Amino acid sequence: QIGIKALFEHLRWSSPYLEGGEPFRLNNNYT
């Protein structure tokens, strides 16, 4: 088992910026 939030955090950590240089944001409400 793994929590979807762990995957969210991994994605946040590995993708801190989008292609245009904008900060990458994920809303925890969508997990």
Full PDB file with SEQRES, HELIX, SHEET, SSBOND, CRYST1, ORIGX, SCALE, CONECT and MASTER records, all heavy atoms in Angstrom:
SEQRES   1 A   31  GLN ILE GLY ILE LYS ALA LEU PHE GLU HIS LEU ARG TRP          
SEQRES   2 A   31  SER SER PRO TYR LEU GLU GLY GLY GLU PRO PHE ARG LEU          
SEQRES   3 A   31  ASN ASN ASN TYR THR                                          
HELIX    1 AA1 ILE A    4  SER A   14  1                                  11    
HELIX    2 AA2 ASN A   28  TYR A   30  5                                   3    
CRYST1    1.000    1.000    1.000  90.00  90.00  90.00 P 1           1          
ORIGX1      1.000000  0.000000  0.000000        0.00000                         
ORIGX2      0.000000  1.000000  0.000000        0.00000                         
ORIGX3      0.000000  0.000000  1.000000        0.00000                         
SCALE1      1.000000  0.000000  0.000000        0.00000                         
SCALE2      0.000000  1.000000  0.000000        0.00000                         
SCALE3      0.000000  0.000000  1.000000        0.00000                         
ATOM      1  N   GLN A   1       0.835  -1.195   0.000  1.00  0.00           N  
ATOM      2  CA  GLN A   1       0.000   0.000   0.000  1.00  0.00           C  
ATOM      3  C   GLN A   1       0.872   1.248   0.000  1.00  0.00           C  
ATOM      4  O   GLN A   1       1.962   1.263   0.578  1.00  0.00           O  
ATOM      5  CB  GLN A   1      -0.894   0.042   1.234  1.00  0.00           C  
ATOM      6  CG  GLN A   1      -2.147  -0.759   1.114  1.00  0.00           C  
ATOM      7  CD  GLN A   1      -3.134  -0.398   2.224  1.00  0.00           C  
ATOM      8  OE1 GLN A   1      -2.773   0.107   3.276  1.00  0.00           O  
ATOM      9  NE2 GLN A   1      -4.392  -0.681   1.983  1.00  0.00           N  
ATOM     10  N   ILE A   2       0.369   2.273  -0.642  1.00  0.00           N  
ATOM     11  CA  ILE A   2       1.032   3.572  -0.642  1.00  0.00           C  
ATOM     12  C   ILE A   2      -0.054   4.637  -0.649  1.00  0.00           C  
ATOM     13  O   ILE A   2      -1.136   4.426  -1.210  1.00  0.00           O  
ATOM     14  CB  ILE A   2       1.989   3.742  -1.843  1.00  0.00           C  
ATOM     15  CG1 ILE A   2       2.822   5.022  -1.692  1.00  0.00           C  
ATOM     16  CG2 ILE A   2       1.235   3.712  -3.152  1.00  0.00           C  
ATOM     17  CD1 ILE A   2       3.946   5.154  -2.688  1.00  0.00           C  
ATOM     18  N   GLY A   3       0.227   5.744  -0.031  1.00  0.00           N  
ATOM     19  CA  GLY A   3      -0.726   6.845  -0.042  1.00  0.00           C  
ATOM     20  C   GLY A   3      -0.565   7.678  -1.298  1.00  0.00           C  
ATOM     21  O   GLY A   3       0.558   7.923  -1.756  1.00  0.00           O  
ATOM     22  N   ILE A   4      -1.654   8.094  -1.855  1.00  0.00           N  
ATOM     23  CA  ILE A   4      -1.601   8.927  -3.057  1.00  0.00           C  
ATOM     24  C   ILE A   4      -0.846  10.221  -2.772  1.00  0.00           C  
ATOM     25  O   ILE A   4      -0.178  10.768  -3.644  1.00  0.00           O  
ATOM     26  CB  ILE A   4      -3.028   9.199  -3.616  1.00  0.00           C  
ATOM     27  CG1 ILE A   4      -2.987   9.908  -4.976  1.00  0.00           C  
ATOM     28  CG2 ILE A   4      -3.846  10.005  -2.639  1.00  0.00           C  
ATOM     29  CD1 ILE A   4      -2.465   9.069  -6.085  1.00  0.00           C  
ATOM     30  N   LYS A   5      -0.883  10.687  -1.527  1.00  0.00           N  
ATOM     31  CA  LYS A   5      -0.153  11.918  -1.202  1.00  0.00           C  
ATOM     32  C   LYS A   5       1.352  11.710  -1.293  1.00  0.00           C  
ATOM     33  O   LYS A   5       2.082  12.641  -1.604  1.00  0.00           O  
ATOM     34  CB  LYS A   5      -0.564  12.446   0.168  1.00  0.00           C  
ATOM     35  CG  LYS A   5      -1.947  13.067   0.117  1.00  0.00           C  
ATOM     36  CD  LYS A   5      -2.261  13.867   1.336  1.00  0.00           C  
ATOM     37  CE  LYS A   5      -3.648  14.470   1.162  1.00  0.00           C  
ATOM     38  NZ  LYS A   5      -4.034  15.268   2.279  1.00  0.00           N  
ATOM     39  N   ALA A   6       1.836  10.492  -1.038  1.00  0.00           N  
ATOM     40  CA  ALA A   6       3.267  10.220  -1.218  1.00  0.00           C  
ATOM     41  C   ALA A   6       3.645  10.381  -2.683  1.00  0.00           C  
ATOM     42  O   ALA A   6       4.696  10.940  -3.007  1.00  0.00           O  
ATOM     43  CB  ALA A   6       3.599   8.814  -0.724  1.00  0.00           C  
ATOM     44  N   LEU A   7       2.777   9.912  -3.584  1.00  0.00           N  
ATOM     45  CA  LEU A   7       3.040  10.087  -5.012  1.00  0.00           C  
ATOM     46  C   LEU A   7       2.967  11.563  -5.397  1.00  0.00           C  
ATOM     47  O   LEU A   7       3.754  12.035  -6.217  1.00  0.00           O  
ATOM     48  CB  LEU A   7       2.050   9.258  -5.840  1.00  0.00           C  
ATOM     49  CG  LEU A   7       2.085   7.746  -5.628  1.00  0.00           C  
ATOM     50  CD1 LEU A   7       1.058   7.060  -6.510  1.00  0.00           C  
ATOM     51  CD2 LEU A   7       3.468   7.187  -5.854  1.00  0.00           C  
ATOM     52  N   PHE A   8       2.019  12.280  -4.805  1.00  0.00           N  
ATOM     53  CA  PHE A   8       1.912  13.723  -5.047  1.00  0.00           C  
ATOM     54  C   PHE A   8       3.203  14.423  -4.645  1.00  0.00           C  
ATOM     55  O   PHE A   8       3.720  15.266  -5.370  1.00  0.00           O  
ATOM     56  CB  PHE A   8       0.747  14.304  -4.235  1.00  0.00           C  
ATOM     57  CG  PHE A   8      -0.455  14.687  -5.044  1.00  0.00           C  
ATOM     58  CD1 PHE A   8      -1.023  13.820  -5.950  1.00  0.00           C  
ATOM     59  CD2 PHE A   8      -1.036  15.922  -4.870  1.00  0.00           C  
ATOM     60  CE1 PHE A   8      -2.143  14.174  -6.667  1.00  0.00           C  
ATOM     61  CE2 PHE A   8      -2.153  16.291  -5.588  1.00  0.00           C  
ATOM     62  CZ  PHE A   8      -2.704  15.413  -6.498  1.00  0.00           C  
ATOM     63  N   GLU A   9       3.716  14.086  -3.451  1.00  0.00           N  
ATOM     64  CA  GLU A   9       4.937  14.727  -2.965  1.00  0.00           C  
ATOM     65  C   GLU A   9       6.128  14.380  -3.846  1.00  0.00           C  
ATOM     66  O   GLU A   9       6.971  15.230  -4.116  1.00  0.00           O  
ATOM     67  CB  GLU A   9       5.210  14.355  -1.511  1.00  0.00           C  
ATOM     68  CG  GLU A   9       4.189  14.908  -0.533  1.00  0.00           C  
ATOM     69  CD  GLU A   9       4.035  16.426  -0.599  1.00  0.00           C  
ATOM     70  OE1 GLU A   9       5.020  17.148  -0.881  1.00  0.00           O  
ATOM     71  OE2 GLU A   9       2.908  16.905  -0.366  1.00  0.00           O  
ATOM     72  N   HIS A  10       6.194  13.141  -4.315  1.00  0.00           N  
ATOM     73  CA  HIS A  10       7.270  12.761  -5.224  1.00  0.00           C  
ATOM     74  C   HIS A  10       7.184  13.581  -6.508  1.00  0.00           C  
ATOM     75  O   HIS A  10       8.200  14.071  -7.013  1.00  0.00           O  
ATOM     76  CB  HIS A  10       7.204  11.268  -5.543  1.00  0.00           C  
ATOM     77  CG  HIS A  10       8.301  10.809  -6.444  1.00  0.00           C  
ATOM     78  ND1 HIS A  10       9.554  10.516  -5.976  1.00  0.00           N  
ATOM     79  CD2 HIS A  10       8.331  10.625  -7.785  1.00  0.00           C  
ATOM     80  CE1 HIS A  10      10.318  10.160  -7.006  1.00  0.00           C  
ATOM     81  NE2 HIS A  10       9.594  10.215  -8.106  1.00  0.00           N  
ATOM     82  N   LEU A  11       5.985  13.740  -7.014  1.00  0.00           N  
ATOM     83  CA  LEU A  11       5.788  14.524  -8.231  1.00  0.00           C  
ATOM     84  C   LEU A  11       6.151  15.988  -8.000  1.00  0.00           C  
ATOM     85  O   LEU A  11       6.808  16.612  -8.836  1.00  0.00           O  
ATOM     86  CB  LEU A  11       4.337  14.390  -8.700  1.00  0.00           C  
ATOM     87  CG  LEU A  11       3.991  14.903 -10.088  1.00  0.00           C  
ATOM     88  CD1 LEU A  11       4.864  14.258 -11.145  1.00  0.00           C  
ATOM     89  CD2 LEU A  11       2.525  14.651 -10.382  1.00  0.00           C  
ATOM     90  N   ARG A  12       5.782  16.534  -6.865  1.00  0.00           N  
ATOM     91  CA  ARG A  12       6.149  17.914  -6.534  1.00  0.00           C  
ATOM     92  C   ARG A  12       7.664  18.071  -6.463  1.00  0.00           C  
ATOM     93  O   ARG A  12       8.226  19.041  -6.939  1.00  0.00           O  
ATOM     94  CB  ARG A  12       5.545  18.323  -5.193  1.00  0.00           C  
ATOM     95  CG  ARG A  12       4.100  18.673  -5.250  1.00  0.00           C  
ATOM     96  CD  ARG A  12       3.628  19.126  -3.875  1.00  0.00           C  
ATOM     97  NE  ARG A  12       2.253  19.545  -3.929  1.00  0.00           N  
ATOM     98  CZ  ARG A  12       1.313  19.130  -3.094  1.00  0.00           C  
ATOM     99  NH1 ARG A  12       1.611  18.296  -2.123  1.00  0.00           N  
ATOM    100  NH2 ARG A  12       0.078  19.555  -3.213  1.00  0.00           N  
ATOM    101  N   TRP A  13       8.323  17.111  -5.823  1.00  0.00           N  
ATOM    102  CA  TRP A  13       9.760  17.180  -5.635  1.00  0.00           C  
ATOM    103  C   TRP A  13      10.497  17.056  -6.967  1.00  0.00           C  
ATOM    104  O   TRP A  13      11.477  17.736  -7.209  1.00  0.00           O  
ATOM    105  CB  TRP A  13      10.206  16.075  -4.680  1.00  0.00           C  
ATOM    106  CG  TRP A  13      11.669  16.072  -4.431  1.00  0.00           C  
ATOM    107  CD1 TRP A  13      12.359  16.868  -3.566  1.00  0.00           C  
ATOM    108  CD2 TRP A  13      12.626  15.224  -5.064  1.00  0.00           C  
ATOM    109  NE1 TRP A  13      13.697  16.565  -3.616  1.00  0.00           N  
ATOM    110  CE2 TRP A  13      13.891  15.558  -4.531  1.00  0.00           C  
ATOM    111  CE3 TRP A  13      12.547  14.215  -6.023  1.00  0.00           C  
ATOM    112  CZ2 TRP A  13      15.065  14.920  -4.933  1.00  0.00           C  
ATOM    113  CZ3 TRP A  13      13.715  13.583  -6.411  1.00  0.00           C  
ATOM    114  CH2 TRP A  13      14.953  13.939  -5.869  1.00  0.00           C  
ATOM    115  N   SER A  14      10.010  16.164  -7.828  1.00  0.00           N  
ATOM    116  CA  SER A  14      10.707  15.918  -9.092  1.00  0.00           C  
ATOM    117  C   SER A  14      10.351  16.932 -10.173  1.00  0.00           C  
ATOM    118  O   SER A  14      11.039  17.014 -11.181  1.00  0.00           O  
ATOM    119  CB  SER A  14      10.415  14.502  -9.593  1.00  0.00           C  
ATOM    120  OG  SER A  14       9.045  14.350  -9.873  1.00  0.00           O  
ATOM    121  N   SER A  15       9.302  17.710  -9.995  1.00  0.00           N  
ATOM    122  CA  SER A  15       8.868  18.686 -11.001  1.00  0.00           C  
ATOM    123  C   SER A  15       8.597  20.043 -10.357  1.00  0.00           C  
ATOM    124  O   SER A  15       7.459  20.508 -10.353  1.00  0.00           O  
ATOM    125  CB  SER A  15       7.588  18.201 -11.683  1.00  0.00           C  
ATOM    126  OG  SER A  15       7.732  16.916 -12.197  1.00  0.00           O  
ATOM    127  N   PRO A  16       9.642  20.706  -9.807  1.00  0.00           N  
ATOM    128  CA  PRO A  16       9.361  21.967  -9.096  1.00  0.00           C  
ATOM    129  C   PRO A  16       8.929  23.104 -10.013  1.00  0.00           C  
ATOM    130  O   PRO A  16       8.294  24.048  -9.570  1.00  0.00           O  
ATOM    131  CB  PRO A  16      10.676  22.286  -8.393  1.00  0.00           C  
ATOM    132  CG  PRO A  16      11.713  21.566  -9.169  1.00  0.00           C  
ATOM    133  CD  PRO A  16      11.037  20.352  -9.753  1.00  0.00           C  
ATOM    134  N   TYR A  17       9.248  23.021 -11.305  1.00  0.00           N  
ATOM    135  CA  TYR A  17       8.881  24.092 -12.225  1.00  0.00           C  
ATOM    136  C   TYR A  17       8.317  23.511 -13.508  1.00  0.00           C  
ATOM    137  O   TYR A  17       8.739  22.448 -13.959  1.00  0.00           O  
ATOM    138  CB  TYR A  17      10.089  24.967 -12.570  1.00  0.00           C  
ATOM    139  CG  TYR A  17      10.593  25.720 -11.378  1.00  0.00           C  
ATOM    140  CD1 TYR A  17      11.648  25.225 -10.623  1.00  0.00           C  
ATOM    141  CD2 TYR A  17       9.994  26.897 -10.979  1.00  0.00           C  
ATOM    142  CE1 TYR A  17      12.095  25.900  -9.506  1.00  0.00           C  
ATOM    143  CE2 TYR A  17      10.438  27.580  -9.869  1.00  0.00           C  
ATOM    144  CZ  TYR A  17      11.487  27.073  -9.132  1.00  0.00           C  
ATOM    145  OH  TYR A  17      11.917  27.748  -8.025  1.00  0.00           O  
ATOM    146  N   LEU A  18       7.384  24.235 -14.092  1.00  0.00           N  
ATOM    147  CA  LEU A  18       6.843  23.852 -15.383  1.00  0.00           C  
ATOM    148  C   LEU A  18       7.800  24.320 -16.472  1.00  0.00           C  
ATOM    149  O   LEU A  18       8.764  25.048 -16.206  1.00  0.00           O  
ATOM    150  CB  LEU A  18       5.462  24.476 -15.575  1.00  0.00           C  
ATOM    151  CG  LEU A  18       4.393  24.022 -14.569  1.00  0.00           C  
ATOM    152  CD1 LEU A  18       3.108  24.801 -14.772  1.00  0.00           C  
ATOM    153  CD2 LEU A  18       4.123  22.536 -14.724  1.00  0.00           C  
ATOM    154  N   GLU A  19       7.536  23.960 -17.718  1.00  0.00           N  
ATOM    155  CA  GLU A  19       8.431  24.308 -18.821  1.00  0.00           C  
ATOM    156  C   GLU A  19       8.662  25.812 -18.939  1.00  0.00           C  
ATOM    157  O   GLU A  19       9.750  26.242 -19.239  1.00  0.00           O  
ATOM    158  CB  GLU A  19       7.877  23.774 -20.142  1.00  0.00           C  
ATOM    159  CG  GLU A  19       8.029  22.280 -20.295  1.00  0.00           C  
ATOM    160  CD  GLU A  19       7.513  21.784 -21.620  1.00  0.00           C  
ATOM    161  OE1 GLU A  19       7.322  22.597 -22.543  1.00  0.00           O  
ATOM    162  OE2 GLU A  19       7.298  20.581 -21.733  1.00  0.00           O  
ATOM    163  N   GLY A  20       7.661  26.618 -18.672  1.00  0.00           N  
ATOM    164  CA  GLY A  20       7.798  28.061 -18.801  1.00  0.00           C  
ATOM    165  C   GLY A  20       8.466  28.715 -17.603  1.00  0.00           C  
ATOM    166  O   GLY A  20       8.571  29.927 -17.532  1.00  0.00           O  
ATOM    167  N   GLY A  21       8.922  27.923 -16.640  1.00  0.00           N  
ATOM    168  CA  GLY A  21       9.577  28.471 -15.463  1.00  0.00           C  
ATOM    169  C   GLY A  21       8.618  28.826 -14.334  1.00  0.00           C  
ATOM    170  O   GLY A  21       9.027  29.310 -13.296  1.00  0.00           O  
ATOM    171  N   GLU A  22       7.324  28.572 -14.546  1.00  0.00           N  
ATOM    172  CA  GLU A  22       6.345  28.863 -13.500  1.00  0.00           C  
ATOM    173  C   GLU A  22       6.426  27.796 -12.413  1.00  0.00           C  
ATOM    174  O   GLU A  22       6.714  26.635 -12.701  1.00  0.00           O  
ATOM    175  CB  GLU A  22       4.924  28.852 -14.080  1.00  0.00           C  
ATOM    176  CG  GLU A  22       4.676  29.914 -15.110  1.00  0.00           C  
ATOM    177  CD  GLU A  22       3.269  29.802 -15.695  1.00  0.00           C  
ATOM    178  OE1 GLU A  22       2.359  29.380 -14.956  1.00  0.00           O  
ATOM    179  OE2 GLU A  22       3.110  30.114 -16.868  1.00  0.00           O  
ATOM    180  N   PRO A  23       6.177  28.174 -11.147  1.00  0.00           N  
ATOM    181  CA  PRO A  23       6.184  27.161 -10.081  1.00  0.00           C  
ATOM    182  C   PRO A  23       5.095  26.118 -10.320  1.00  0.00           C  
ATOM    183  O   PRO A  23       4.020  26.426 -10.807  1.00  0.00           O  
ATOM    184  CB  PRO A  23       5.886  27.957  -8.814  1.00  0.00           C  
ATOM    185  CG  PRO A  23       6.050  29.381  -9.174  1.00  0.00           C  
ATOM    186  CD  PRO A  23       5.916  29.501 -10.655  1.00  0.00           C  
ATOM    187  N   PHE A  24       5.415  24.892  -9.996  1.00  0.00           N  
ATOM    188  CA  PHE A  24       4.494  23.778 -10.153  1.00  0.00           C  
ATOM    189  C   PHE A  24       3.634  23.658  -8.907  1.00  0.00           C  
ATOM    190  O   PHE A  24       4.150  23.624  -7.807  1.00  0.00           O  
ATOM    191  CB  PHE A  24       5.302  22.506 -10.381  1.00  0.00           C  
ATOM    192  CG  PHE A  24       4.482  21.259 -10.431  1.00  0.00           C  
ATOM    193  CD1 PHE A  24       3.544  21.076 -11.421  1.00  0.00           C  
ATOM    194  CD2 PHE A  24       4.657  20.272  -9.490  1.00  0.00           C  
ATOM    195  CE1 PHE A  24       2.793  19.917 -11.474  1.00  0.00           C  
ATOM    196  CE2 PHE A  24       3.917  19.104  -9.538  1.00  0.00           C  
ATOM    197  CZ  PHE A  24       2.986  18.939 -10.530  1.00  0.00           C  
ATOM    198  N   ARG A  25       2.334  23.596  -9.065  1.00  0.00           N  
ATOM    199  CA  ARG A  25       1.436  23.513  -7.913  1.00  0.00           C  
ATOM    200  C   ARG A  25       0.437  22.381  -8.101  1.00  0.00           C  
ATOM    201  O   ARG A  25      -0.125  22.206  -9.163  1.00  0.00           O  
ATOM    202  CB  ARG A  25       0.681  24.815  -7.727  1.00  0.00           C  
ATOM    203  CG  ARG A  25       1.592  25.978  -7.457  1.00  0.00           C  
ATOM    204  CD  ARG A  25       0.802  27.252  -7.231  1.00  0.00           C  
ATOM    205  NE  ARG A  25       1.683  28.376  -7.162  1.00  0.00           N  
ATOM    206  CZ  ARG A  25       2.203  28.859  -6.044  1.00  0.00           C  
ATOM    207  NH1 ARG A  25       1.920  28.298  -4.905  1.00  0.00           N  
ATOM    208  NH2 ARG A  25       3.002  29.895  -6.071  1.00  0.00           N  
ATOM    209  N   LEU A  26       0.238  21.626  -7.033  1.00  0.00           N  
ATOM    210  CA  LEU A  26      -0.780  20.577  -6.988  1.00  0.00           C  
ATOM    211  C   LEU A  26      -1.645  20.829  -5.777  1.00  0.00           C  
ATOM    212  O   LEU A  26      -1.137  21.021  -4.678  1.00  0.00           O  
ATOM    213  CB  LEU A  26      -0.125  19.202  -6.834  1.00  0.00           C  
ATOM    214  CG  LEU A  26       0.328  18.493  -8.085  1.00  0.00           C  
ATOM    215  CD1 LEU A  26       1.025  17.194  -7.730  1.00  0.00           C  
ATOM    216  CD2 LEU A  26      -0.822  18.225  -9.007  1.00  0.00           C  
ATOM    217  N   ASN A  27      -2.941  20.805  -5.967  1.00  0.00           N  
ATOM    218  CA  ASN A  27      -3.880  21.030  -4.878  1.00  0.00           C  
ATOM    219  C   ASN A  27      -4.125  19.716  -4.139  1.00  0.00           C  
ATOM    220  O   ASN A  27      -4.563  18.734  -4.733  1.00  0.00           O  
ATOM    221  CB  ASN A  27      -5.193  21.583  -5.451  1.00  0.00           C  
ATOM    222  CG  ASN A  27      -6.146  22.038  -4.401  1.00  0.00           C  
ATOM    223  OD1 ASN A  27      -6.146  21.547  -3.279  1.00  0.00           O  
ATOM    224  ND2 ASN A  27      -6.986  22.991  -4.753  1.00  0.00           N  
ATOM    225  N   ASN A  28      -3.836  19.687  -2.831  1.00  0.00           N  
ATOM    226  CA  ASN A  28      -4.047  18.476  -2.038  1.00  0.00           C  
ATOM    227  C   ASN A  28      -5.500  18.019  -2.039  1.00  0.00           C  
ATOM    228  O   ASN A  28      -5.787  16.853  -1.776  1.00  0.00           O  
ATOM    229  CB  ASN A  28      -3.591  18.684  -0.591  1.00  0.00           C  
ATOM    230  CG  ASN A  28      -2.108  18.568  -0.436  1.00  0.00           C  
ATOM    231  OD1 ASN A  28      -1.426  17.987  -1.272  1.00  0.00           O  
ATOM    232  ND2 ASN A  28      -1.589  19.129   0.629  1.00  0.00           N  
ATOM    233  N   ASN A  29      -6.427  18.919  -2.319  1.00  0.00           N  
ATOM    234  CA  ASN A  29      -7.838  18.543  -2.354  1.00  0.00           C  
ATOM    235  C   ASN A  29      -8.150  17.573  -3.497  1.00  0.00           C  
ATOM    236  O   ASN A  29      -9.194  16.944  -3.496  1.00  0.00           O  
ATOM    237  CB  ASN A  29      -8.726  19.780  -2.489  1.00  0.00           C  
ATOM    238  CG  ASN A  29      -8.665  20.657  -1.272  1.00  0.00           C  
ATOM    239  OD1 ASN A  29      -8.326  20.216  -0.183  1.00  0.00           O  
ATOM    240  ND2 ASN A  29      -8.981  21.926  -1.449  1.00  0.00           N  
ATOM    241  N   TYR A  30      -7.243  17.465  -4.461  1.00  0.00           N  
ATOM    242  CA  TYR A  30      -7.494  16.605  -5.615  1.00  0.00           C  
ATOM    243  C   TYR A  30      -6.953  15.186  -5.431  1.00  0.00           C  
ATOM    244  O   TYR A  30      -7.165  14.333  -6.282  1.00  0.00           O  
ATOM    245  CB  TYR A  30      -6.875  17.206  -6.879  1.00  0.00           C  
ATOM    246  CG  TYR A  30      -7.411  18.570  -7.249  1.00  0.00           C  
ATOM    247  CD1 TYR A  30      -6.653  19.447  -8.008  1.00  0.00           C  
ATOM    248  CD2 TYR A  30      -8.667  18.998  -6.849  1.00  0.00           C  
ATOM    249  CE1 TYR A  30      -7.130  20.695  -8.363  1.00  0.00           C  
ATOM    250  CE2 TYR A  30      -9.145  20.247  -7.187  1.00  0.00           C  
ATOM    251  CZ  TYR A  30      -8.371  21.095  -7.948  1.00  0.00           C  
ATOM    252  OH  TYR A  30      -8.838  22.330  -8.297  1.00  0.00           O  
ATOM    253  N   THR A  31      -6.253  14.915  -4.342  1.00  0.00           N  
ATOM    254  CA  THR A  31      -5.616  13.611  -4.190  1.00  0.00           C  
ATOM    255  C   THR A  31      -6.625  12.462  -4.227  1.00  0.00           C  
ATOM    256  O   THR A  31      -6.379  11.453  -4.884  1.00  0.00           O  
ATOM    257  CB  THR A  31      -4.796  13.536  -2.883  1.00  0.00           C  
ATOM    258  OG1 THR A  31      -5.641  13.848  -1.781  1.00  0.00           O  
ATOM    259  CG2 THR A  31      -3.610  14.462  -2.928  1.00  0.00           C  
TER     260      THR A  31                                                      
MASTER        0    0    0    2    0    0    0    6  259    1    0    3          
END                                                                             
